[in-house]
N, C-alpha and C. Protein backbone atom coordinates (compact mmCIF):
# COMPACT_ATOMS: atom_id res chain seq x y z
N MET A 1 14.67 24.69 17.86
CA MET A 1 13.41 24.01 18.56
C MET A 1 13.88 24.31 19.98
N THR A 2 12.69 25.11 20.63
CA THR A 2 12.79 25.49 22.00
C THR A 2 12.51 24.34 23.01
N ARG A 3 11.53 23.52 22.48
CA ARG A 3 11.12 22.29 23.50
C ARG A 3 11.46 21.10 22.94
N LYS A 4 12.03 19.98 23.69
CA LYS A 4 12.34 18.81 23.56
C LYS A 4 11.58 17.84 23.83
N PHE A 5 11.18 16.70 23.16
CA PHE A 5 10.45 15.69 23.66
C PHE A 5 11.17 14.55 23.63
N SER A 6 10.94 13.44 24.48
CA SER A 6 11.58 12.17 24.58
C SER A 6 11.13 11.30 23.35
N GLY A 7 11.90 10.18 23.26
CA GLY A 7 11.40 9.40 22.28
C GLY A 7 10.04 8.54 22.63
N LYS A 8 9.77 8.29 24.10
CA LYS A 8 8.70 7.58 24.23
C LYS A 8 7.38 8.71 24.01
N GLN A 9 7.70 10.06 24.04
CA GLN A 9 6.63 10.78 23.88
C GLN A 9 6.33 10.89 22.33
N VAL A 10 7.49 10.86 21.64
CA VAL A 10 7.14 10.86 20.10
C VAL A 10 6.40 9.50 19.99
N ILE A 11 6.73 8.48 20.27
CA ILE A 11 6.01 7.30 20.01
C ILE A 11 4.63 7.06 20.34
N LYS A 12 4.38 7.88 21.62
CA LYS A 12 2.88 8.03 22.07
C LYS A 12 2.05 8.88 21.26
N ALA A 13 2.54 9.96 20.66
CA ALA A 13 1.98 10.88 20.01
C ALA A 13 1.70 10.33 18.56
N GLY A 14 2.69 9.71 17.91
CA GLY A 14 2.21 8.71 16.74
C GLY A 14 1.24 7.98 16.94
N ASP A 15 1.14 7.16 17.91
CA ASP A 15 0.11 6.06 18.31
C ASP A 15 -1.10 6.76 18.50
N SER A 16 -1.14 8.02 19.08
CA SER A 16 -2.77 8.77 19.31
C SER A 16 -3.38 8.85 17.97
N PHE A 17 -2.70 9.11 16.65
CA PHE A 17 -3.36 9.22 15.73
C PHE A 17 -3.93 7.75 14.98
N LEU A 18 -3.75 6.88 15.84
CA LEU A 18 -4.35 5.60 15.25
C LEU A 18 -5.89 5.57 15.66
N ASP A 19 -6.27 6.19 16.63
CA ASP A 19 -7.60 6.32 17.20
C ASP A 19 -8.48 7.50 16.55
N ASP A 20 -9.50 6.95 15.90
CA ASP A 20 -10.21 8.15 15.03
C ASP A 20 -10.86 9.33 16.25
N ALA A 21 -11.03 8.68 17.56
CA ALA A 21 -11.56 9.60 18.38
C ALA A 21 -10.61 10.95 18.55
N ILE A 22 -9.40 10.96 18.22
CA ILE A 22 -8.60 12.26 18.43
C ILE A 22 -8.97 13.00 17.53
N PHE A 23 -9.36 13.01 16.29
CA PHE A 23 -9.91 13.77 15.28
C PHE A 23 -11.22 14.52 15.54
N LYS A 24 -12.15 14.23 16.78
CA LYS A 24 -13.35 14.68 16.97
C LYS A 24 -12.92 16.01 17.99
N ASP A 25 -13.92 16.80 17.78
CA ASP A 25 -13.92 18.27 18.48
C ASP A 25 -13.59 18.19 19.88
N GLU A 26 -14.12 17.06 20.70
CA GLU A 26 -14.01 17.09 22.00
C GLU A 26 -12.69 16.79 22.33
N ASN A 27 -11.65 16.03 21.38
CA ASN A 27 -10.38 16.04 21.75
C ASN A 27 -9.31 16.90 21.02
N ILE A 28 -9.89 18.03 20.75
CA ILE A 28 -9.07 19.04 20.36
C ILE A 28 -7.70 19.46 20.83
N THR A 29 -7.49 19.36 22.32
CA THR A 29 -6.46 19.61 23.27
C THR A 29 -5.66 18.31 22.85
N LYS A 30 -6.01 17.25 23.14
CA LYS A 30 -5.02 16.14 22.79
C LYS A 30 -4.59 16.08 21.52
N PHE A 31 -5.28 16.32 20.33
CA PHE A 31 -5.06 16.37 19.29
C PHE A 31 -3.79 17.78 18.81
N GLY A 32 -3.92 18.90 19.73
CA GLY A 32 -2.96 19.68 19.67
C GLY A 32 -1.72 19.36 19.99
N GLU A 33 -1.71 18.78 21.25
CA GLU A 33 -0.50 18.16 21.81
C GLU A 33 0.27 17.26 20.91
N SER A 34 -0.50 16.39 20.28
CA SER A 34 0.13 15.31 19.62
C SER A 34 0.60 15.74 18.31
N MET A 35 -0.08 16.96 17.69
CA MET A 35 0.56 17.65 16.73
C MET A 35 1.89 18.39 16.97
N GLU A 36 2.06 19.10 17.97
CA GLU A 36 3.15 19.74 18.51
C GLU A 36 4.16 18.83 18.46
N ILE A 37 4.11 17.59 19.07
CA ILE A 37 5.18 16.60 19.12
C ILE A 37 5.51 16.13 17.65
N LEU A 38 4.76 15.84 16.85
CA LEU A 38 4.98 15.28 15.61
C LEU A 38 5.65 16.61 14.78
N SER A 39 5.34 17.71 15.05
CA SER A 39 6.02 18.92 14.27
C SER A 39 7.30 18.92 14.77
N TYR A 40 7.57 18.78 16.10
CA TYR A 40 9.00 18.90 16.49
C TYR A 40 9.70 17.72 16.02
N TRP A 41 9.24 16.45 15.96
CA TRP A 41 10.08 15.39 15.40
C TRP A 41 10.04 15.56 13.88
N ARG A 42 9.31 16.20 13.22
CA ARG A 42 9.45 16.45 11.93
C ARG A 42 10.58 17.35 11.54
N PHE A 43 10.34 18.38 12.39
CA PHE A 43 11.53 19.69 12.17
C PHE A 43 13.08 19.00 12.50
N SER A 44 12.97 18.19 13.49
CA SER A 44 14.25 17.66 13.92
C SER A 44 15.11 17.00 12.66
N HIS A 45 14.41 16.83 11.50
CA HIS A 45 15.21 16.05 10.57
C HIS A 45 15.44 17.16 9.44
N GLU A 46 15.11 18.45 9.65
CA GLU A 46 15.32 19.31 8.65
C GLU A 46 17.37 19.52 8.50
N HIS A 47 17.95 19.61 9.58
CA HIS A 47 19.35 19.56 9.73
C HIS A 47 19.90 18.41 8.91
N PRO A 48 19.54 17.09 9.58
CA PRO A 48 20.10 15.99 8.78
C PRO A 48 19.75 15.92 7.22
N LEU A 49 18.66 16.26 7.11
CA LEU A 49 18.03 16.37 5.46
C LEU A 49 19.18 17.11 4.67
N ASN A 50 19.47 18.27 5.23
CA ASN A 50 20.38 19.22 4.51
C ASN A 50 21.87 18.70 4.23
N ILE A 51 22.22 17.71 5.21
CA ILE A 51 23.67 17.11 4.96
C ILE A 51 23.37 16.13 4.09
N ALA A 52 22.43 15.21 4.22
CA ALA A 52 21.89 14.13 3.16
C ALA A 52 22.05 14.56 1.82
N VAL A 53 21.31 15.79 1.62
CA VAL A 53 21.10 16.35 0.08
C VAL A 53 22.60 16.77 -0.58
N ASN A 54 23.23 17.52 0.26
CA ASN A 54 24.72 18.01 -0.13
C ASN A 54 25.56 16.58 -0.20
N THR A 55 25.34 15.55 0.44
CA THR A 55 26.27 14.50 0.14
C THR A 55 25.73 13.79 -1.12
N LEU A 56 24.32 13.58 -1.38
CA LEU A 56 23.84 13.16 -2.62
C LEU A 56 24.33 13.91 -3.85
N ASP A 57 24.31 15.07 -3.81
CA ASP A 57 24.41 16.01 -4.86
C ASP A 57 25.95 16.07 -5.20
N ASN A 58 26.82 15.86 -4.30
CA ASN A 58 28.21 15.99 -4.41
C ASN A 58 28.58 14.58 -5.21
N THR A 59 27.93 13.49 -4.74
CA THR A 59 28.32 12.10 -5.16
C THR A 59 27.75 11.95 -6.69
N CYS A 60 26.64 12.71 -7.15
CA CYS A 60 26.07 12.41 -8.39
C CYS A 60 26.73 13.23 -9.34
N ARG A 61 27.47 14.58 -8.99
CA ARG A 61 28.32 15.29 -9.80
C ARG A 61 29.47 14.56 -10.28
N LYS A 62 29.98 13.64 -9.72
CA LYS A 62 31.17 13.06 -10.04
C LYS A 62 30.81 12.19 -11.24
N PHE A 63 29.53 11.80 -11.44
CA PHE A 63 29.20 11.12 -12.76
C PHE A 63 28.43 11.44 -13.72
N GLU A 64 27.57 12.82 -13.27
CA GLU A 64 26.69 13.41 -14.09
C GLU A 64 26.44 14.70 -13.59
N LYS A 65 26.93 15.89 -14.32
CA LYS A 65 26.89 17.16 -13.91
C LYS A 65 25.23 17.74 -13.88
N ASN A 66 24.55 17.08 -14.82
CA ASN A 66 22.99 17.67 -14.88
C ASN A 66 21.91 16.98 -14.30
N THR A 67 22.55 16.04 -13.09
CA THR A 67 21.49 15.34 -12.17
C THR A 67 20.53 16.38 -11.51
N ILE A 68 19.38 15.94 -11.44
CA ILE A 68 18.69 16.91 -10.60
C ILE A 68 18.31 16.10 -9.23
N VAL A 69 18.58 17.03 -8.42
CA VAL A 69 18.47 16.53 -6.95
C VAL A 69 17.62 17.46 -6.27
N ALA A 70 16.67 16.78 -5.55
CA ALA A 70 15.76 17.77 -4.80
C ALA A 70 15.52 16.82 -3.27
N LYS A 71 14.91 17.90 -2.51
CA LYS A 71 14.83 17.21 -0.76
C LYS A 71 13.23 17.43 -0.58
N ARG A 72 12.88 17.00 0.43
CA ARG A 72 11.58 17.34 1.09
C ARG A 72 11.15 16.74 2.47
N LEU A 73 10.69 17.72 3.38
CA LEU A 73 10.30 16.89 4.78
C LEU A 73 8.71 16.26 4.27
N LYS A 74 8.57 15.17 4.84
CA LYS A 74 7.30 14.64 4.58
C LYS A 74 6.00 15.46 5.23
N ARG A 75 5.03 15.88 4.72
CA ARG A 75 3.92 16.64 5.13
C ARG A 75 3.20 15.97 6.37
N HIS A 76 2.67 16.75 7.21
CA HIS A 76 2.11 16.38 8.54
C HIS A 76 0.93 15.32 8.08
N VAL A 77 0.09 15.56 7.36
CA VAL A 77 -0.84 14.86 6.81
C VAL A 77 -0.51 13.43 6.15
N SER A 78 0.55 13.46 5.50
CA SER A 78 1.30 12.33 4.97
C SER A 78 1.97 11.27 5.93
N ILE A 79 2.53 12.01 7.12
CA ILE A 79 2.87 11.16 8.08
C ILE A 79 1.92 10.52 8.80
N VAL A 80 0.90 11.34 9.30
CA VAL A 80 -0.32 10.48 9.91
C VAL A 80 -1.17 9.63 9.12
N GLY A 81 -1.23 9.73 7.91
CA GLY A 81 -1.56 8.92 6.68
C GLY A 81 -0.80 7.48 6.66
N LYS A 82 0.35 7.55 6.65
CA LYS A 82 1.21 6.49 6.76
C LYS A 82 1.00 5.60 8.05
N LEU A 83 1.21 6.18 9.12
CA LEU A 83 1.04 5.60 10.40
C LEU A 83 -0.17 4.85 10.43
N ARG A 84 -1.33 5.29 10.00
CA ARG A 84 -2.53 4.82 9.82
C ARG A 84 -2.55 3.37 9.02
N ARG A 85 -1.85 3.92 7.81
CA ARG A 85 -2.17 2.73 6.67
C ARG A 85 -1.08 1.39 7.20
N PHE A 86 -0.09 1.49 7.91
CA PHE A 86 0.87 0.58 8.44
C PHE A 86 0.71 0.14 9.82
N GLN A 87 -0.35 0.55 10.67
CA GLN A 87 -0.78 0.18 11.96
C GLN A 87 -0.66 -1.16 12.37
N ASN A 88 -1.07 -1.91 11.29
CA ASN A 88 -1.09 -3.29 11.37
C ASN A 88 0.32 -3.92 11.46
N GLU A 89 1.34 -3.20 10.89
CA GLU A 89 2.70 -3.55 10.86
C GLU A 89 3.51 -2.90 12.06
N LYS A 90 2.67 -2.20 12.93
CA LYS A 90 3.36 -1.74 14.16
C LYS A 90 4.25 -0.48 13.83
N MET A 91 3.92 0.21 12.87
CA MET A 91 4.98 1.38 12.50
C MET A 91 4.84 2.23 13.69
N LYS A 92 5.91 2.87 14.04
CA LYS A 92 6.06 3.88 14.98
C LYS A 92 6.58 5.12 14.34
N LEU A 93 6.15 6.20 15.04
CA LEU A 93 6.44 7.65 14.33
C LEU A 93 8.00 7.76 14.47
N LYS A 94 8.78 7.18 15.76
CA LYS A 94 10.09 7.60 15.88
C LYS A 94 10.92 6.69 14.90
N ASN A 95 10.43 5.45 14.34
CA ASN A 95 11.23 4.75 13.42
C ASN A 95 10.85 4.98 11.97
N MET A 96 9.93 5.86 11.62
CA MET A 96 9.68 6.18 10.45
C MET A 96 10.94 6.69 9.50
N GLN A 97 11.28 6.02 8.26
CA GLN A 97 12.49 6.10 7.81
C GLN A 97 12.44 7.45 6.77
N ASP A 98 11.34 7.76 6.42
CA ASP A 98 11.22 8.59 5.05
C ASP A 98 10.52 10.10 5.66
N ILE A 99 10.45 10.48 6.87
CA ILE A 99 10.19 11.83 7.33
C ILE A 99 11.11 12.87 6.36
N GLY A 100 12.31 12.57 6.41
CA GLY A 100 13.31 13.37 5.40
C GLY A 100 13.65 12.57 4.21
N GLY A 101 13.62 13.17 3.24
CA GLY A 101 13.86 12.54 2.07
C GLY A 101 14.41 13.18 1.08
N CYS A 102 15.44 12.69 -0.02
CA CYS A 102 15.79 13.53 -1.22
C CYS A 102 15.93 12.53 -2.28
N ARG A 103 16.07 13.11 -3.33
CA ARG A 103 15.80 12.31 -4.67
C ARG A 103 16.88 12.88 -5.66
N ALA A 104 17.61 11.91 -6.48
CA ALA A 104 18.33 12.13 -7.65
C ALA A 104 17.71 11.55 -8.78
N VAL A 105 17.34 12.38 -9.74
CA VAL A 105 16.97 11.96 -11.12
C VAL A 105 18.09 12.05 -11.98
N ILE A 106 18.51 10.84 -12.63
CA ILE A 106 19.71 10.66 -13.35
C ILE A 106 19.47 10.06 -14.63
N SER A 107 20.14 10.21 -15.65
CA SER A 107 19.78 10.06 -17.13
C SER A 107 19.56 8.50 -17.41
N GLY A 108 20.29 7.68 -16.81
CA GLY A 108 19.96 6.23 -17.06
C GLY A 108 20.49 5.43 -15.89
N GLU A 109 20.22 4.02 -16.23
CA GLU A 109 20.30 3.18 -14.97
C GLU A 109 21.67 2.81 -14.67
N LYS A 110 22.63 2.85 -15.70
CA LYS A 110 24.19 2.62 -15.83
C LYS A 110 24.66 3.75 -14.83
N LYS A 111 24.30 4.84 -14.91
CA LYS A 111 24.99 5.91 -13.91
C LYS A 111 24.07 5.91 -12.67
N LEU A 112 22.93 5.55 -12.73
CA LEU A 112 22.57 5.37 -11.36
C LEU A 112 22.92 4.43 -10.55
N ARG A 113 23.45 3.38 -11.09
CA ARG A 113 24.06 2.15 -10.44
C ARG A 113 25.49 2.59 -9.90
N GLN A 114 26.14 3.46 -10.56
CA GLN A 114 27.46 4.09 -10.08
C GLN A 114 27.03 5.01 -8.91
N VAL A 115 26.38 5.72 -9.09
CA VAL A 115 25.90 6.29 -7.87
C VAL A 115 25.67 5.77 -6.80
N LEU A 116 24.81 4.70 -7.06
CA LEU A 116 24.41 3.86 -5.72
C LEU A 116 25.61 3.17 -5.19
N ARG A 117 26.61 2.64 -5.96
CA ARG A 117 27.76 2.10 -5.64
C ARG A 117 28.46 3.03 -4.55
N GLU A 118 28.98 4.21 -4.91
CA GLU A 118 29.42 5.29 -4.40
C GLU A 118 28.75 5.54 -3.13
N LEU A 119 27.36 5.47 -2.85
CA LEU A 119 26.91 5.97 -1.69
C LEU A 119 27.18 4.56 -0.82
N LYS A 120 27.02 3.41 -1.29
CA LYS A 120 27.29 2.26 -0.20
C LYS A 120 28.65 2.26 0.45
N LYS A 121 29.78 3.15 -0.24
CA LYS A 121 30.75 3.19 0.24
C LYS A 121 31.12 3.92 1.53
N LYS A 122 30.01 4.97 1.68
CA LYS A 122 29.96 5.76 2.69
C LYS A 122 29.46 5.27 3.89
N SER A 123 30.19 5.79 5.18
CA SER A 123 29.59 5.05 6.49
C SER A 123 28.23 5.48 6.91
N GLU A 124 27.92 6.69 6.32
CA GLU A 124 26.33 7.01 6.70
C GLU A 124 25.26 5.93 6.16
N PHE A 125 25.76 5.31 5.23
CA PHE A 125 24.73 4.07 4.56
C PHE A 125 25.11 2.87 4.98
N LYS A 126 25.68 2.50 6.08
CA LYS A 126 26.03 1.24 6.42
C LYS A 126 25.36 0.95 8.01
N ASP A 127 25.17 -0.34 8.20
CA ASP A 127 24.58 -0.45 9.71
C ASP A 127 25.86 -1.00 10.59
N ARG A 128 25.69 -1.27 11.57
CA ARG A 128 26.86 -1.81 12.43
C ARG A 128 27.46 -2.97 11.89
N ASN A 129 26.84 -3.75 10.98
CA ASN A 129 27.41 -4.89 10.45
C ASN A 129 28.00 -4.45 8.93
N GLY A 130 28.00 -3.13 8.55
CA GLY A 130 28.49 -2.86 7.39
C GLY A 130 27.58 -3.11 6.16
N ARG A 131 26.50 -3.18 6.48
CA ARG A 131 25.57 -3.58 5.45
C ARG A 131 24.90 -2.39 5.09
N SER A 132 24.04 -2.01 3.92
CA SER A 132 23.35 -0.95 3.56
C SER A 132 21.96 -1.49 3.51
N ARG A 133 20.99 -0.37 3.92
CA ARG A 133 19.44 -0.70 3.88
C ARG A 133 18.95 -0.26 2.38
N ILE A 134 18.83 -1.14 1.42
CA ILE A 134 18.37 -0.64 0.11
C ILE A 134 17.13 -1.41 -0.25
N LYS A 135 16.26 -0.99 -1.16
CA LYS A 135 15.22 -1.67 -1.77
C LYS A 135 15.37 -1.18 -3.07
N ASP A 136 15.54 -2.32 -3.94
CA ASP A 136 15.82 -1.99 -5.28
C ASP A 136 14.45 -2.46 -6.12
N TYR A 137 13.73 -1.41 -6.35
CA TYR A 137 12.44 -1.51 -7.07
C TYR A 137 12.65 -1.40 -8.65
N ILE A 138 13.74 -1.36 -9.05
CA ILE A 138 14.07 -1.39 -10.29
C ILE A 138 14.09 -3.21 -10.72
N GLU A 139 14.97 -3.93 -9.78
CA GLU A 139 14.68 -5.20 -10.03
C GLU A 139 13.73 -5.91 -9.79
N LYS A 140 13.01 -5.36 -8.65
CA LYS A 140 11.68 -5.97 -8.14
C LYS A 140 10.69 -4.92 -8.13
N PRO A 141 10.06 -4.37 -9.22
CA PRO A 141 9.21 -3.15 -9.09
C PRO A 141 7.96 -3.59 -8.03
N LYS A 142 7.34 -2.26 -7.45
CA LYS A 142 6.27 -2.34 -6.59
C LYS A 142 5.20 -2.88 -7.36
N THR A 143 4.19 -3.42 -6.77
CA THR A 143 2.91 -4.04 -7.47
C THR A 143 2.21 -3.09 -8.24
N ASP A 144 2.46 -1.63 -7.90
CA ASP A 144 1.61 -0.61 -8.64
C ASP A 144 2.51 -0.15 -9.99
N GLY A 145 3.73 -0.74 -10.08
CA GLY A 145 4.41 -0.44 -11.25
C GLY A 145 5.70 0.56 -11.04
N TYR A 146 5.76 0.99 -9.56
CA TYR A 146 6.78 2.13 -9.40
C TYR A 146 8.34 1.36 -9.37
N ARG A 147 9.06 2.21 -10.25
CA ARG A 147 10.58 1.53 -10.15
C ARG A 147 11.51 2.96 -9.67
N GLY A 148 12.37 2.27 -9.05
CA GLY A 148 13.56 3.35 -8.39
C GLY A 148 14.26 2.33 -7.50
N ILE A 149 15.35 3.15 -6.99
CA ILE A 149 16.18 2.59 -5.71
C ILE A 149 16.03 3.41 -4.71
N HIS A 150 15.87 2.61 -3.51
CA HIS A 150 15.80 3.56 -2.18
C HIS A 150 16.92 3.05 -1.17
N ILE A 151 17.79 3.97 -0.65
CA ILE A 151 18.62 3.76 0.38
C ILE A 151 18.53 4.51 1.53
N ILE A 152 18.61 3.99 2.71
CA ILE A 152 18.26 4.74 4.07
C ILE A 152 19.71 5.13 4.54
N GLY A 153 20.14 6.43 4.88
CA GLY A 153 21.36 6.77 5.63
C GLY A 153 20.93 7.44 6.95
N LYS A 154 21.84 7.64 7.75
CA LYS A 154 21.82 8.34 9.05
C LYS A 154 22.68 9.60 9.21
N PHE A 155 21.94 10.53 9.52
CA PHE A 155 22.60 11.76 9.53
C PHE A 155 22.45 12.60 10.88
N PRO A 156 23.20 13.32 11.36
CA PRO A 156 23.13 13.87 12.74
C PRO A 156 22.29 15.13 12.76
N ASP A 157 21.32 15.42 13.78
CA ASP A 157 20.58 16.50 13.74
C ASP A 157 21.39 17.58 14.52
N ASP A 158 20.68 18.60 15.03
CA ASP A 158 21.34 19.70 15.65
C ASP A 158 22.02 19.09 17.07
N ASN A 159 21.48 18.10 17.69
CA ASN A 159 21.84 17.81 19.03
C ASN A 159 22.77 16.36 18.71
N GLY A 160 23.35 16.44 17.33
CA GLY A 160 24.27 15.12 17.50
C GLY A 160 23.68 13.67 17.38
N LYS A 161 22.11 13.68 17.19
CA LYS A 161 21.57 12.43 17.24
C LYS A 161 21.12 12.04 15.69
N ASN A 162 21.44 10.80 15.54
CA ASN A 162 21.30 10.48 14.08
C ASN A 162 19.81 10.26 13.69
N LYS A 163 19.35 10.83 12.50
CA LYS A 163 18.11 10.64 12.05
C LYS A 163 18.07 9.86 10.80
N ASN A 164 17.15 8.91 10.68
CA ASN A 164 17.07 8.29 9.17
C ASN A 164 16.50 9.21 8.11
N ILE A 165 17.18 9.20 7.09
CA ILE A 165 16.92 10.14 5.88
C ILE A 165 16.95 9.01 4.68
N GLU A 166 15.66 9.05 3.79
CA GLU A 166 15.73 8.32 2.81
C GLU A 166 16.07 9.08 1.33
N ILE A 167 16.96 8.39 0.61
CA ILE A 167 17.14 8.82 -0.60
C ILE A 167 16.57 7.93 -1.76
N GLN A 168 16.02 8.49 -2.60
CA GLN A 168 15.60 7.98 -3.81
C GLN A 168 16.47 8.22 -5.09
N LEU A 169 16.80 7.23 -5.82
CA LEU A 169 17.51 7.21 -6.96
C LEU A 169 16.56 6.66 -8.08
N ARG A 170 16.30 7.61 -9.10
CA ARG A 170 15.45 7.11 -10.41
C ARG A 170 16.12 7.60 -11.73
N THR A 171 15.81 7.23 -12.59
CA THR A 171 16.17 7.46 -13.78
C THR A 171 14.99 8.36 -14.42
N ARG A 172 15.22 9.13 -15.50
CA ARG A 172 14.37 10.28 -15.97
C ARG A 172 13.14 9.53 -16.21
N ILE A 173 13.32 8.50 -16.92
CA ILE A 173 11.93 7.98 -17.46
C ILE A 173 11.10 7.36 -16.33
N GLN A 174 11.64 6.82 -15.02
CA GLN A 174 11.05 6.34 -14.03
C GLN A 174 10.45 7.57 -13.14
N HIS A 175 11.10 8.67 -13.37
CA HIS A 175 10.61 9.96 -12.53
C HIS A 175 9.33 10.58 -13.22
N TYR A 176 9.41 10.53 -14.72
CA TYR A 176 8.25 10.58 -15.35
C TYR A 176 7.12 9.78 -15.08
N TRP A 177 7.19 8.77 -14.66
CA TRP A 177 6.18 7.76 -14.37
C TRP A 177 5.76 8.15 -12.99
N ALA A 178 6.29 8.33 -12.14
CA ALA A 178 6.01 8.72 -10.69
C ALA A 178 5.42 9.97 -10.64
N THR A 179 5.91 10.96 -11.53
CA THR A 179 5.32 12.34 -11.55
C THR A 179 4.00 12.31 -12.03
N ALA A 180 3.74 11.60 -13.16
CA ALA A 180 2.60 11.48 -13.99
C ALA A 180 1.34 10.81 -12.78
N LEU A 181 1.87 9.99 -11.93
CA LEU A 181 0.93 9.32 -11.07
C LEU A 181 0.37 10.27 -10.22
N GLU A 182 1.40 11.07 -9.66
CA GLU A 182 1.07 12.21 -8.39
C GLU A 182 0.07 13.23 -9.08
N ILE A 183 0.29 13.49 -10.31
CA ILE A 183 -0.50 14.69 -11.03
C ILE A 183 -2.02 13.93 -11.03
N ILE A 184 -2.02 12.73 -11.70
CA ILE A 184 -3.22 11.91 -11.72
C ILE A 184 -4.01 11.83 -10.44
N ASP A 185 -3.36 11.93 -9.41
CA ASP A 185 -3.88 11.71 -8.00
C ASP A 185 -4.48 13.09 -7.71
N ILE A 186 -3.68 14.16 -8.07
CA ILE A 186 -4.05 15.49 -7.67
C ILE A 186 -5.36 15.81 -8.49
N PHE A 187 -5.66 15.67 -9.77
CA PHE A 187 -6.35 16.12 -10.64
C PHE A 187 -7.88 15.21 -10.53
N THR A 188 -7.61 13.90 -10.10
CA THR A 188 -8.85 12.87 -10.23
C THR A 188 -9.19 12.65 -8.70
N GLY A 189 -8.56 13.44 -7.65
CA GLY A 189 -8.98 13.02 -6.19
C GLY A 189 -8.69 11.60 -5.59
N GLN A 190 -7.57 10.91 -6.23
CA GLN A 190 -7.45 9.47 -6.05
C GLN A 190 -6.14 9.47 -5.11
N ALA A 191 -5.83 8.17 -4.59
CA ALA A 191 -4.60 8.00 -4.01
C ALA A 191 -3.91 6.68 -4.43
N LEU A 192 -3.54 6.93 -5.77
CA LEU A 192 -2.92 5.79 -6.47
C LEU A 192 -1.46 5.55 -5.73
N LYS A 193 -0.97 6.93 -5.35
CA LYS A 193 0.46 6.54 -4.90
C LYS A 193 0.28 5.72 -3.46
N SER A 194 -0.81 5.71 -2.97
CA SER A 194 -0.81 4.96 -1.82
C SER A 194 -1.72 3.48 -1.88
N ASN A 195 -1.94 3.29 -2.95
CA ASN A 195 -2.69 2.02 -3.61
C ASN A 195 -3.98 2.11 -3.34
N GLN A 196 -4.71 3.31 -3.42
CA GLN A 196 -6.03 3.32 -3.21
C GLN A 196 -6.59 4.33 -4.13
N GLY A 197 -6.81 3.55 -5.30
CA GLY A 197 -7.48 4.47 -6.58
C GLY A 197 -8.16 3.38 -7.41
N ASP A 198 -8.79 3.89 -8.39
CA ASP A 198 -9.60 3.23 -9.38
C ASP A 198 -8.74 2.12 -10.18
N ILE A 199 -9.33 1.05 -10.26
CA ILE A 199 -8.48 -0.31 -10.82
C ILE A 199 -8.03 0.19 -12.25
N ASN A 200 -8.81 0.85 -12.89
CA ASN A 200 -8.66 1.34 -14.41
C ASN A 200 -7.46 2.02 -14.37
N TRP A 201 -7.21 2.95 -13.57
CA TRP A 201 -6.05 3.77 -13.42
C TRP A 201 -4.92 3.06 -13.16
N GLU A 202 -5.13 2.34 -12.03
CA GLU A 202 -4.05 1.34 -11.43
C GLU A 202 -3.42 0.39 -12.67
N SER A 203 -4.38 -0.19 -13.33
CA SER A 203 -3.81 -1.05 -14.47
C SER A 203 -3.02 -0.24 -15.57
N PHE A 204 -3.49 0.98 -15.78
CA PHE A 204 -2.81 1.80 -16.83
C PHE A 204 -1.39 2.08 -16.34
N PHE A 205 -1.37 2.48 -15.08
CA PHE A 205 0.10 2.52 -14.78
C PHE A 205 0.91 1.50 -14.49
N ILE A 206 0.41 0.42 -14.31
CA ILE A 206 1.14 -0.87 -14.32
C ILE A 206 1.80 -1.16 -15.58
N ARG A 207 0.78 -1.08 -16.70
CA ARG A 207 1.01 -1.45 -18.11
C ARG A 207 2.11 -0.43 -18.69
N ILE A 208 2.01 1.02 -18.19
CA ILE A 208 2.82 1.97 -18.61
C ILE A 208 4.27 1.57 -18.28
N SER A 209 4.52 1.17 -16.87
CA SER A 209 5.65 0.99 -16.07
C SER A 209 6.35 -0.21 -16.89
N GLU A 210 5.58 -1.10 -17.39
CA GLU A 210 6.14 -2.39 -18.06
C GLU A 210 6.69 -1.86 -19.45
N GLN A 211 6.15 -1.12 -20.19
CA GLN A 211 6.40 -0.27 -21.22
C GLN A 211 7.73 0.21 -21.29
N PHE A 212 7.85 1.37 -20.38
CA PHE A 212 8.87 2.11 -19.93
C PHE A 212 10.28 1.45 -19.62
N SER A 213 9.98 0.16 -19.03
CA SER A 213 11.07 -0.68 -18.55
C SER A 213 11.54 -1.31 -19.72
N ILE A 214 10.83 -1.73 -20.73
CA ILE A 214 11.34 -2.23 -21.91
C ILE A 214 12.15 -1.29 -22.76
N MET A 215 11.57 0.03 -22.74
CA MET A 215 12.16 0.98 -23.62
C MET A 215 13.67 1.27 -22.93
N GLU A 216 13.76 1.34 -21.63
CA GLU A 216 15.02 1.50 -20.97
C GLU A 216 15.93 0.30 -21.44
N GLU A 217 15.47 -0.60 -21.75
CA GLU A 217 16.51 -1.72 -21.81
C GLU A 217 17.11 -1.76 -23.51
N ILE A 218 16.33 -0.82 -24.13
CA ILE A 218 17.04 -0.48 -25.65
C ILE A 218 18.06 0.25 -25.77
N HIS A 219 19.09 0.05 -26.27
CA HIS A 219 20.14 0.95 -26.29
C HIS A 219 19.95 1.95 -26.99
N LEU A 220 20.17 3.40 -26.80
CA LEU A 220 19.93 4.63 -27.42
C LEU A 220 18.46 4.58 -28.01
N PHE A 221 17.53 4.24 -27.12
CA PHE A 221 16.20 4.32 -27.79
C PHE A 221 15.88 5.63 -27.91
């Protein structure tokens, strides 16, 4: 990255996307400037993400050799969309926790919990008080039926500054559910993943999630 931007510039750029006017032709210059800063901030998560995915992969291999591990940088349109969806909660681009994200798909919940316990021991997943930032959507699924566990870690960028990286842990059946929902979004033009979809599809995925949860509780199903 040849040009750097301050934290205030990153926040200001993120806030600019909350105003519908920025998407109009007469504001194309401002839009371009904001997108440049957003791209800078997004790309600054690439190095931390690579460290995070290696940490996750090495941890998972201790418990299961055929774990599927993947990574992604959040797409520009997804970042803007999330800023706009959560503007009432005063979300800022600089503080968004999932611009960089990686995922492990593990055979079952027992091994998933083992991986989680191992990650929690690492300093990257502890705050100043020694606590980990975890959202357990297995114990308490999202309202749309999503299940999995998210844990936030901090990893250094090229300049030694820590960036938030979100790690998702899912069992295979939880991953099947999430993948199916994304596929339906693509083929039907909905946004079920963002809680913006047809009520019948929403109900369907909630019920399927409940059934999948029961299936996972049955030994050797």
